């Protein structure tokens, strides 16, 4: 990639790092934008340190890695309980500090026609809030729930978080 520092398994496309499902990316390259698509019941978590200029994004599918230990070992970013700590650690490794982080969450919708039986979006939201509560992390922006799929972008130059759905965009952070 040629950036000052980056940790990711996403795909770089024209100045954008595409964070896929069960993936994460962290960078200090101000010329890139992190983006993830199709956040339905999945949740996208962004973090940004405005001093260190470190930006990160995670796209997790399920709340708890105990659901499938083998899958969690192979794809830890698939689960909130393993992916969130990986995201934060990768940001710290690039110089971010917890006290300065701006953290946002997007997704966690109920998009599957499952008659409310599985409630994956709701379970993801609840589990993520528990992780953040236990670690004293406050959300600076939250666009979760509902029944719509979303696209999430994080501009690494200034930490702007943009949410897109149904052809419309809104800035989640800063407000």
N, C-alpha and C. Protein backbone atom coordinates (compact mmCIF):
# COMPACT_ATOMS: atom_id res chain seq x y z
N UNK A 1 0.82 -1.19 0.00
CA UNK A 1 0.00 0.00 0.00
C UNK A 1 0.86 1.25 0.00
N UNK A 2 1.99 1.23 0.65
CA UNK A 2 2.86 2.38 0.66
C UNK A 2 2.44 3.45 1.64
N UNK A 3 1.54 3.17 2.55
CA UNK A 3 1.11 4.16 3.54
C UNK A 3 2.13 4.24 4.66
N UNK A 4 2.10 5.33 5.46
CA UNK A 4 3.01 5.44 6.58
C UNK A 4 2.91 4.24 7.52
N UNK A 5 1.72 3.79 7.77
CA UNK A 5 1.52 2.60 8.60
C UNK A 5 0.12 2.09 8.37
N UNK A 6 0.00 0.80 8.17
CA UNK A 6 -1.32 0.23 7.93
C UNK A 6 -1.35 -1.22 8.37
N UNK A 7 -2.48 -1.62 8.92
CA UNK A 7 -2.73 -3.01 9.25
C UNK A 7 -4.11 -3.31 8.73
N UNK A 8 -4.20 -4.21 7.74
CA UNK A 8 -5.51 -4.52 7.23
C UNK A 8 -5.46 -5.76 6.37
N UNK A 9 -6.61 -6.32 6.21
CA UNK A 9 -6.76 -7.40 5.25
C UNK A 9 -7.79 -7.00 4.20
N UNK A 10 -8.23 -5.74 4.26
CA UNK A 10 -9.18 -5.24 3.28
C UNK A 10 -8.52 -5.11 1.92
N UNK A 11 -9.29 -4.68 0.96
CA UNK A 11 -8.82 -4.53 -0.42
C UNK A 11 -8.72 -3.05 -0.74
N UNK A 12 -7.55 -2.62 -1.23
CA UNK A 12 -7.38 -1.23 -1.60
C UNK A 12 -7.87 -1.01 -3.02
N UNK A 13 -8.76 -0.02 -3.19
CA UNK A 13 -9.31 0.30 -4.50
C UNK A 13 -9.36 1.81 -4.63
N UNK A 14 -8.47 2.37 -5.44
CA UNK A 14 -8.49 3.80 -5.74
C UNK A 14 -8.53 4.71 -4.53
N UNK A 15 -7.62 4.53 -3.60
CA UNK A 15 -7.56 5.39 -2.42
C UNK A 15 -8.52 4.99 -1.32
N UNK A 16 -9.28 3.93 -1.55
CA UNK A 16 -10.18 3.42 -0.52
C UNK A 16 -9.71 2.05 -0.09
N UNK A 17 -9.80 1.81 1.20
CA UNK A 17 -9.57 0.46 1.71
C UNK A 17 -10.95 -0.11 2.01
N UNK A 18 -11.33 -1.14 1.27
CA UNK A 18 -12.63 -1.76 1.45
C UNK A 18 -12.50 -2.83 2.53
N UNK A 19 -13.24 -2.63 3.60
CA UNK A 19 -13.26 -3.56 4.72
C UNK A 19 -14.42 -4.52 4.49
N UNK A 20 -14.10 -5.76 4.23
CA UNK A 20 -15.13 -6.75 3.94
C UNK A 20 -15.79 -7.27 5.20
N UNK A 21 -16.74 -8.16 5.01
CA UNK A 21 -17.41 -8.81 6.13
C UNK A 21 -16.37 -9.63 6.89
N UNK A 22 -16.39 -9.55 8.22
CA UNK A 22 -15.45 -10.28 9.08
C UNK A 22 -14.02 -9.82 8.85
N UNK A 23 -13.85 -8.51 8.68
CA UNK A 23 -12.55 -7.93 8.35
C UNK A 23 -12.35 -6.66 9.16
N UNK A 24 -11.10 -6.19 9.20
CA UNK A 24 -10.81 -4.91 9.83
C UNK A 24 -9.64 -4.26 9.12
N UNK A 25 -9.52 -2.95 9.30
CA UNK A 25 -8.40 -2.20 8.76
C UNK A 25 -8.08 -1.06 9.71
N UNK A 26 -6.79 -0.78 9.86
CA UNK A 26 -6.32 0.35 10.66
C UNK A 26 -5.18 1.00 9.89
N UNK A 27 -5.20 2.33 9.82
CA UNK A 27 -4.18 3.03 9.06
C UNK A 27 -3.91 4.42 9.64
N UNK A 28 -2.74 4.94 9.32
CA UNK A 28 -2.42 6.33 9.63
C UNK A 28 -2.13 7.09 8.33
N UNK A 29 -2.55 6.55 7.22
CA UNK A 29 -2.38 7.19 5.92
C UNK A 29 -3.55 8.15 5.69
N UNK A 30 -3.30 9.47 5.70
CA UNK A 30 -4.39 10.44 5.57
C UNK A 30 -5.00 10.51 4.17
N UNK A 31 -4.40 9.82 3.20
CA UNK A 31 -4.93 9.90 1.84
C UNK A 31 -5.96 8.81 1.53
N UNK A 32 -6.28 7.97 2.51
CA UNK A 32 -7.23 6.89 2.25
C UNK A 32 -8.56 7.12 2.95
N UNK A 33 -9.53 6.38 2.51
CA UNK A 33 -10.83 6.33 3.16
C UNK A 33 -11.13 4.86 3.42
N UNK A 34 -11.57 4.55 4.62
CA UNK A 34 -12.00 3.20 4.94
C UNK A 34 -13.49 3.11 4.64
N UNK A 35 -13.92 2.03 4.00
CA UNK A 35 -15.33 1.88 3.67
C UNK A 35 -15.75 0.42 3.81
N UNK A 36 -16.98 0.21 4.28
CA UNK A 36 -17.56 -1.12 4.31
C UNK A 36 -19.00 -1.02 3.83
N UNK A 37 -19.42 -2.06 3.14
CA UNK A 37 -20.74 -2.07 2.51
C UNK A 37 -21.65 -3.10 3.17
N UNK A 38 -22.93 -2.93 2.93
CA UNK A 38 -23.95 -3.92 3.29
C UNK A 38 -23.97 -4.26 4.78
N UNK A 39 -23.96 -3.23 5.61
CA UNK A 39 -24.13 -3.46 7.04
C UNK A 39 -25.62 -3.64 7.32
N UNK A 40 -26.04 -4.88 7.35
CA UNK A 40 -27.42 -5.20 7.72
C UNK A 40 -27.43 -5.52 9.19
N UNK A 41 -27.48 -6.80 9.54
CA UNK A 41 -27.42 -7.20 10.95
C UNK A 41 -25.99 -7.09 11.48
N UNK A 42 -25.00 -7.05 10.57
CA UNK A 42 -23.61 -6.85 10.97
C UNK A 42 -23.45 -5.42 11.52
N UNK A 43 -22.36 -5.20 12.24
CA UNK A 43 -22.07 -3.87 12.76
C UNK A 43 -20.68 -3.45 12.32
N UNK A 44 -20.61 -2.19 11.89
CA UNK A 44 -19.33 -1.56 11.58
C UNK A 44 -18.95 -0.66 12.73
N UNK A 45 -17.73 -0.82 13.21
CA UNK A 45 -17.21 0.02 14.28
C UNK A 45 -16.06 0.83 13.71
N UNK A 46 -16.08 2.14 13.92
CA UNK A 46 -14.97 2.99 13.52
C UNK A 46 -14.32 3.57 14.75
N UNK A 47 -13.02 3.84 14.63
CA UNK A 47 -12.34 4.59 15.67
C UNK A 47 -11.37 5.54 14.99
N UNK A 48 -11.13 6.68 15.67
CA UNK A 48 -10.24 7.70 15.13
C UNK A 48 -9.58 8.43 16.27
N UNK A 49 -8.26 8.57 16.18
CA UNK A 49 -7.48 9.36 17.14
C UNK A 49 -7.05 10.62 16.41
N UNK A 50 -7.62 11.80 16.77
CA UNK A 50 -7.33 13.03 16.04
C UNK A 50 -5.90 13.54 16.24
N UNK A 51 -5.21 13.11 17.27
CA UNK A 51 -3.83 13.54 17.50
C UNK A 51 -2.86 12.65 16.73
N UNK A 52 -2.98 11.35 16.88
CA UNK A 52 -2.10 10.41 16.18
C UNK A 52 -2.50 10.23 14.72
N UNK A 53 -3.70 10.69 14.36
CA UNK A 53 -4.24 10.54 13.00
C UNK A 53 -4.32 9.07 12.60
N UNK A 54 -4.80 8.25 13.53
CA UNK A 54 -4.97 6.83 13.30
C UNK A 54 -6.47 6.56 13.13
N UNK A 55 -6.81 5.82 12.08
CA UNK A 55 -8.21 5.50 11.80
C UNK A 55 -8.35 3.99 11.66
N UNK A 56 -9.49 3.47 12.13
CA UNK A 56 -9.71 2.03 12.02
C UNK A 56 -11.17 1.70 11.83
N UNK A 57 -11.41 0.52 11.24
CA UNK A 57 -12.77 0.06 11.00
C UNK A 57 -12.82 -1.46 11.11
N UNK A 58 -13.91 -1.94 11.70
CA UNK A 58 -14.19 -3.37 11.84
C UNK A 58 -15.59 -3.63 11.30
N UNK A 59 -15.78 -4.74 10.61
CA UNK A 59 -17.10 -5.17 10.15
C UNK A 59 -17.32 -6.58 10.71
N UNK A 60 -18.03 -6.66 11.84
CA UNK A 60 -18.26 -7.98 12.44
C UNK A 60 -19.68 -8.46 12.18
N UNK A 61 -19.83 -9.80 12.16
CA UNK A 61 -21.10 -10.44 11.82
C UNK A 61 -21.90 -10.91 13.03
N UNK A 62 -21.21 -11.45 14.02
CA UNK A 62 -21.87 -12.13 15.13
C UNK A 62 -21.29 -11.66 16.46
N UNK A 63 -22.05 -11.78 17.52
CA UNK A 63 -21.59 -11.24 18.80
C UNK A 63 -20.48 -12.03 19.48
N UNK A 64 -20.60 -13.33 19.54
CA UNK A 64 -19.76 -14.10 20.46
C UNK A 64 -19.03 -15.23 19.75
N UNK A 65 -17.73 -15.26 19.89
CA UNK A 65 -16.90 -16.27 19.23
C UNK A 65 -17.13 -17.68 19.78
N UNK A 66 -17.77 -17.78 20.92
CA UNK A 66 -18.06 -19.09 21.49
C UNK A 66 -19.07 -19.86 20.63
N UNK A 67 -19.73 -19.17 19.70
CA UNK A 67 -20.66 -19.83 18.78
C UNK A 67 -19.94 -20.83 17.88
N UNK A 68 -18.67 -20.52 17.55
CA UNK A 68 -17.91 -21.40 16.66
C UNK A 68 -16.42 -21.13 16.87
N UNK A 69 -15.79 -21.88 17.76
CA UNK A 69 -14.39 -21.66 18.12
C UNK A 69 -13.44 -21.80 16.92
N UNK A 70 -13.71 -22.76 16.04
CA UNK A 70 -12.85 -22.94 14.88
C UNK A 70 -12.93 -21.74 13.94
N UNK A 71 -14.13 -21.28 13.70
CA UNK A 71 -14.33 -20.11 12.83
C UNK A 71 -13.69 -18.87 13.46
N UNK A 72 -13.82 -18.74 14.79
CA UNK A 72 -13.24 -17.60 15.50
C UNK A 72 -11.72 -17.60 15.40
N UNK A 73 -11.13 -18.77 15.43
CA UNK A 73 -9.67 -18.85 15.32
C UNK A 73 -9.23 -18.45 13.92
N UNK A 74 -9.96 -18.89 12.91
CA UNK A 74 -9.61 -18.59 11.52
C UNK A 74 -9.97 -17.15 11.12
N UNK A 75 -11.09 -16.64 11.67
CA UNK A 75 -11.59 -15.31 11.29
C UNK A 75 -12.04 -14.54 12.53
N UNK A 76 -11.11 -14.08 13.37
CA UNK A 76 -11.50 -13.43 14.62
C UNK A 76 -12.29 -12.13 14.44
N UNK A 77 -12.13 -11.45 13.31
CA UNK A 77 -12.88 -10.22 13.07
C UNK A 77 -14.36 -10.49 12.78
N UNK A 78 -14.74 -11.75 12.64
CA UNK A 78 -16.13 -12.11 12.41
C UNK A 78 -17.00 -11.85 13.65
N UNK A 79 -16.38 -11.85 14.82
CA UNK A 79 -17.11 -11.78 16.08
C UNK A 79 -16.76 -10.51 16.86
N UNK A 80 -17.74 -9.95 17.54
CA UNK A 80 -17.52 -8.73 18.32
C UNK A 80 -16.49 -8.95 19.43
N UNK A 81 -16.60 -10.06 20.15
CA UNK A 81 -15.74 -10.23 21.32
C UNK A 81 -14.27 -10.45 20.98
N UNK A 82 -13.97 -10.86 19.76
CA UNK A 82 -12.58 -11.01 19.34
C UNK A 82 -12.16 -9.88 18.39
N UNK A 83 -13.06 -9.42 17.55
CA UNK A 83 -12.74 -8.37 16.58
C UNK A 83 -12.54 -7.00 17.19
N UNK A 84 -13.38 -6.62 18.15
CA UNK A 84 -13.25 -5.30 18.77
C UNK A 84 -11.90 -5.14 19.46
N UNK A 85 -11.46 -6.09 20.29
CA UNK A 85 -10.13 -5.94 20.89
C UNK A 85 -9.01 -5.89 19.85
N UNK A 86 -9.14 -6.66 18.76
CA UNK A 86 -8.13 -6.62 17.69
C UNK A 86 -8.06 -5.23 17.06
N UNK A 87 -9.22 -4.62 16.82
CA UNK A 87 -9.28 -3.29 16.23
C UNK A 87 -8.57 -2.27 17.12
N UNK A 88 -8.89 -2.29 18.40
CA UNK A 88 -8.29 -1.33 19.33
C UNK A 88 -6.78 -1.56 19.46
N UNK A 89 -6.37 -2.83 19.56
CA UNK A 89 -4.94 -3.13 19.69
C UNK A 89 -4.17 -2.66 18.46
N UNK A 90 -4.71 -2.89 17.27
CA UNK A 90 -4.04 -2.46 16.04
C UNK A 90 -3.91 -0.93 16.01
N UNK A 91 -4.93 -0.22 16.50
CA UNK A 91 -4.87 1.24 16.56
C UNK A 91 -3.81 1.70 17.57
N UNK A 92 -3.77 1.05 18.73
CA UNK A 92 -2.77 1.38 19.74
C UNK A 92 -1.36 1.14 19.20
N UNK A 93 -1.19 0.08 18.43
CA UNK A 93 0.11 -0.24 17.84
C UNK A 93 0.60 0.85 16.88
N UNK A 94 -0.33 1.63 16.32
CA UNK A 94 0.03 2.74 15.43
C UNK A 94 0.10 4.07 16.16
N UNK A 95 -0.06 4.05 17.50
CA UNK A 95 0.09 5.28 18.28
C UNK A 95 -1.18 5.89 18.82
N UNK A 96 -2.32 5.29 18.56
CA UNK A 96 -3.58 5.83 19.11
C UNK A 96 -3.62 5.63 20.62
N UNK A 97 -4.34 6.51 21.29
CA UNK A 97 -4.54 6.41 22.73
C UNK A 97 -6.03 6.36 23.03
N UNK A 98 -6.40 5.46 23.91
CA UNK A 98 -7.81 5.23 24.25
C UNK A 98 -8.53 6.52 24.63
N UNK A 99 -7.91 7.35 25.43
CA UNK A 99 -8.57 8.56 25.94
C UNK A 99 -8.93 9.55 24.83
N UNK A 100 -8.29 9.44 23.67
CA UNK A 100 -8.55 10.37 22.57
C UNK A 100 -9.46 9.80 21.50
N UNK A 101 -9.81 8.52 21.59
CA UNK A 101 -10.53 7.87 20.50
C UNK A 101 -11.96 8.36 20.34
N UNK A 102 -12.32 8.56 19.10
CA UNK A 102 -13.69 8.87 18.71
C UNK A 102 -14.22 7.57 18.10
N UNK A 103 -15.23 6.99 18.73
CA UNK A 103 -15.72 5.67 18.34
C UNK A 103 -17.17 5.78 17.88
N UNK A 104 -17.46 5.16 16.75
CA UNK A 104 -18.83 5.15 16.21
C UNK A 104 -19.24 3.72 15.86
N UNK A 105 -20.55 3.47 15.86
CA UNK A 105 -21.09 2.16 15.50
C UNK A 105 -22.26 2.34 14.54
N UNK A 106 -22.30 1.49 13.51
CA UNK A 106 -23.34 1.57 12.48
C UNK A 106 -23.76 0.15 12.10
N UNK A 107 -25.06 -0.04 11.91
CA UNK A 107 -25.59 -1.33 11.48
C UNK A 107 -26.48 -1.96 12.54
N UNK A 108 -26.40 -3.26 12.66
CA UNK A 108 -27.18 -3.97 13.67
C UNK A 108 -28.68 -3.92 13.40
N UNK A 109 -29.05 -3.93 12.12
CA UNK A 109 -30.47 -3.87 11.76
C UNK A 109 -31.07 -5.27 11.79
N UNK A 110 -32.37 -5.32 11.76
CA UNK A 110 -33.10 -6.58 11.63
C UNK A 110 -33.57 -6.66 10.19
N UNK A 111 -32.73 -7.22 9.33
CA UNK A 111 -33.04 -7.23 7.90
C UNK A 111 -33.51 -8.59 7.40
N UNK A 112 -33.30 -9.63 8.15
CA UNK A 112 -33.73 -10.96 7.73
C UNK A 112 -35.18 -11.20 8.11
N UNK A 113 -35.90 -11.84 7.25
CA UNK A 113 -37.30 -12.17 7.53
C UNK A 113 -37.34 -13.45 8.37
N UNK A 114 -36.98 -13.31 9.64
CA UNK A 114 -36.92 -14.49 10.51
C UNK A 114 -37.98 -14.45 11.60
N UNK A 115 -38.99 -13.59 11.43
CA UNK A 115 -40.06 -13.44 12.41
C UNK A 115 -39.53 -13.10 13.80
N UNK A 116 -38.35 -12.46 13.85
CA UNK A 116 -37.79 -12.04 15.12
C UNK A 116 -37.19 -13.15 15.94
N UNK A 117 -37.07 -14.35 15.37
CA UNK A 117 -36.57 -15.49 16.12
C UNK A 117 -35.08 -15.35 16.46
N UNK A 118 -34.25 -15.02 15.46
CA UNK A 118 -32.82 -14.96 15.69
C UNK A 118 -32.37 -13.60 16.23
N UNK A 119 -32.96 -12.53 15.73
CA UNK A 119 -32.63 -11.17 16.16
C UNK A 119 -31.12 -10.92 16.20
N UNK A 120 -30.45 -11.23 15.12
CA UNK A 120 -29.00 -11.09 15.08
C UNK A 120 -28.57 -9.64 15.27
N UNK A 121 -29.25 -8.72 14.61
CA UNK A 121 -28.90 -7.31 14.76
C UNK A 121 -29.00 -6.85 16.21
N UNK A 122 -30.08 -7.20 16.85
CA UNK A 122 -30.29 -6.84 18.25
C UNK A 122 -29.23 -7.46 19.15
N UNK A 123 -28.92 -8.72 18.90
CA UNK A 123 -27.90 -9.40 19.70
C UNK A 123 -26.53 -8.76 19.49
N UNK A 124 -26.23 -8.38 18.26
CA UNK A 124 -24.97 -7.69 17.98
C UNK A 124 -24.89 -6.35 18.72
N UNK A 125 -25.98 -5.59 18.67
CA UNK A 125 -25.99 -4.28 19.35
C UNK A 125 -25.81 -4.44 20.85
N UNK A 126 -26.52 -5.37 21.44
CA UNK A 126 -26.44 -5.59 22.89
C UNK A 126 -25.04 -6.02 23.30
N UNK A 127 -24.47 -6.95 22.57
CA UNK A 127 -23.15 -7.46 22.91
C UNK A 127 -22.09 -6.37 22.78
N UNK A 128 -22.18 -5.56 21.71
CA UNK A 128 -21.23 -4.47 21.51
C UNK A 128 -21.32 -3.46 22.65
N UNK A 129 -22.54 -3.11 23.03
CA UNK A 129 -22.70 -2.16 24.15
C UNK A 129 -22.10 -2.70 25.44
N UNK A 130 -22.24 -4.00 25.68
CA UNK A 130 -21.64 -4.61 26.87
C UNK A 130 -20.12 -4.51 26.84
N UNK A 131 -19.53 -4.79 25.68
CA UNK A 131 -18.07 -4.68 25.54
C UNK A 131 -17.63 -3.25 25.84
N UNK A 132 -18.30 -2.29 25.23
CA UNK A 132 -17.93 -0.89 25.44
C UNK A 132 -18.15 -0.46 26.88
N UNK A 133 -19.24 -0.88 27.49
CA UNK A 133 -19.54 -0.52 28.87
C UNK A 133 -18.44 -1.07 29.80
N UNK A 134 -18.08 -2.33 29.61
CA UNK A 134 -17.06 -2.95 30.46
C UNK A 134 -15.70 -2.28 30.31
N UNK A 135 -15.44 -1.68 29.14
CA UNK A 135 -14.15 -1.06 28.87
C UNK A 135 -14.19 0.47 28.92
N UNK A 136 -15.29 1.01 29.43
CA UNK A 136 -15.44 2.45 29.60
C UNK A 136 -15.22 3.22 28.29
N UNK A 137 -15.90 2.76 27.25
CA UNK A 137 -15.82 3.41 25.94
C UNK A 137 -17.19 3.98 25.61
N UNK A 138 -17.22 5.26 25.30
CA UNK A 138 -18.47 5.92 24.93
C UNK A 138 -18.52 6.10 23.42
N UNK A 139 -19.70 5.90 22.86
CA UNK A 139 -19.88 6.12 21.43
C UNK A 139 -20.05 7.61 21.14
N UNK A 140 -19.31 8.10 20.17
CA UNK A 140 -19.46 9.48 19.72
C UNK A 140 -20.53 9.58 18.64
N UNK A 141 -20.83 8.47 18.00
CA UNK A 141 -21.86 8.42 16.97
C UNK A 141 -22.44 7.02 16.92
N UNK A 142 -23.76 6.94 16.77
CA UNK A 142 -24.45 5.64 16.77
C UNK A 142 -25.60 5.70 15.78
N UNK A 143 -25.55 4.83 14.78
CA UNK A 143 -26.64 4.70 13.81
C UNK A 143 -26.91 3.21 13.67
N UNK A 144 -27.53 2.66 14.70
CA UNK A 144 -27.78 1.21 14.74
C UNK A 144 -29.27 0.95 14.88
N UNK A 145 -29.64 -0.29 14.55
CA UNK A 145 -31.03 -0.70 14.67
C UNK A 145 -31.80 -0.49 13.38
N UNK A 146 -33.09 -0.51 13.49
CA UNK A 146 -33.96 -0.33 12.33
C UNK A 146 -33.98 -1.57 11.45
N UNK A 147 -34.30 -1.35 10.18
CA UNK A 147 -34.41 -2.48 9.25
C UNK A 147 -33.75 -2.20 7.92
N UNK A 148 -32.81 -1.25 7.91
CA UNK A 148 -32.15 -0.88 6.65
C UNK A 148 -30.69 -1.29 6.64
N UNK A 149 -30.19 -1.58 5.45
CA UNK A 149 -28.77 -1.85 5.25
C UNK A 149 -28.06 -0.52 5.02
N UNK A 150 -26.81 -0.44 5.48
CA UNK A 150 -26.06 0.81 5.40
C UNK A 150 -24.66 0.58 4.84
N UNK A 151 -24.08 1.66 4.29
CA UNK A 151 -22.68 1.72 3.90
C UNK A 151 -22.02 2.71 4.84
N UNK A 152 -20.82 2.38 5.30
CA UNK A 152 -20.10 3.18 6.28
C UNK A 152 -18.75 3.59 5.71
N UNK A 153 -18.41 4.88 5.84
CA UNK A 153 -17.11 5.38 5.40
C UNK A 153 -16.46 6.18 6.52
N UNK A 154 -15.13 6.09 6.58
CA UNK A 154 -14.34 6.86 7.54
C UNK A 154 -13.21 7.52 6.77
N UNK A 155 -13.21 8.85 6.74
CA UNK A 155 -12.18 9.63 6.06
C UNK A 155 -10.99 9.73 7.01
N UNK A 156 -9.87 9.15 6.62
CA UNK A 156 -8.73 9.07 7.54
C UNK A 156 -8.05 10.41 7.77
N UNK A 157 -8.22 11.36 6.89
CA UNK A 157 -7.57 12.67 7.05
C UNK A 157 -8.11 13.45 8.24
N UNK A 158 -9.42 13.31 8.52
CA UNK A 158 -10.02 14.11 9.59
C UNK A 158 -11.01 13.36 10.48
N UNK A 159 -11.20 12.07 10.23
CA UNK A 159 -12.07 11.26 11.07
C UNK A 159 -13.56 11.36 10.77
N UNK A 160 -13.92 12.04 9.69
CA UNK A 160 -15.34 12.16 9.34
C UNK A 160 -15.94 10.78 9.07
N UNK A 161 -17.09 10.51 9.71
CA UNK A 161 -17.80 9.25 9.54
C UNK A 161 -19.08 9.54 8.77
N UNK A 162 -19.25 8.85 7.64
CA UNK A 162 -20.41 9.07 6.77
C UNK A 162 -21.19 7.76 6.64
N UNK A 163 -22.51 7.87 6.77
CA UNK A 163 -23.39 6.71 6.62
C UNK A 163 -24.26 6.96 5.39
N UNK A 164 -24.38 5.93 4.57
CA UNK A 164 -25.20 6.02 3.36
C UNK A 164 -26.22 4.90 3.36
N UNK A 165 -27.45 5.24 3.05
CA UNK A 165 -28.50 4.23 2.85
C UNK A 165 -29.57 4.81 1.96
N UNK A 166 -30.10 3.96 1.12
CA UNK A 166 -31.14 4.35 0.16
C UNK A 166 -30.75 5.58 -0.64
N UNK A 167 -29.48 5.64 -1.05
CA UNK A 167 -29.02 6.74 -1.89
C UNK A 167 -28.78 8.06 -1.19
N UNK A 168 -28.96 8.12 0.10
CA UNK A 168 -28.75 9.36 0.86
C UNK A 168 -27.60 9.17 1.84
N UNK A 169 -26.86 10.26 2.05
CA UNK A 169 -25.74 10.24 2.99
C UNK A 169 -25.99 11.21 4.12
N UNK A 170 -25.46 10.86 5.30
CA UNK A 170 -25.43 11.83 6.40
C UNK A 170 -24.14 11.63 7.18
N UNK A 171 -23.63 12.72 7.72
CA UNK A 171 -22.42 12.68 8.52
C UNK A 171 -22.81 12.30 9.94
N UNK A 172 -22.25 11.20 10.41
CA UNK A 172 -22.51 10.73 11.76
C UNK A 172 -21.60 11.43 12.76
N UNK A 173 -20.34 11.63 12.33
CA UNK A 173 -19.39 12.37 13.15
C UNK A 173 -18.48 13.15 12.23
N UNK A 174 -18.13 14.41 12.52
CA UNK A 174 -18.61 15.20 13.67
C UNK A 174 -20.01 15.74 13.42
N UNK A 175 -20.67 16.05 14.50
CA UNK A 175 -22.02 16.63 14.38
C UNK A 175 -22.03 18.05 14.85
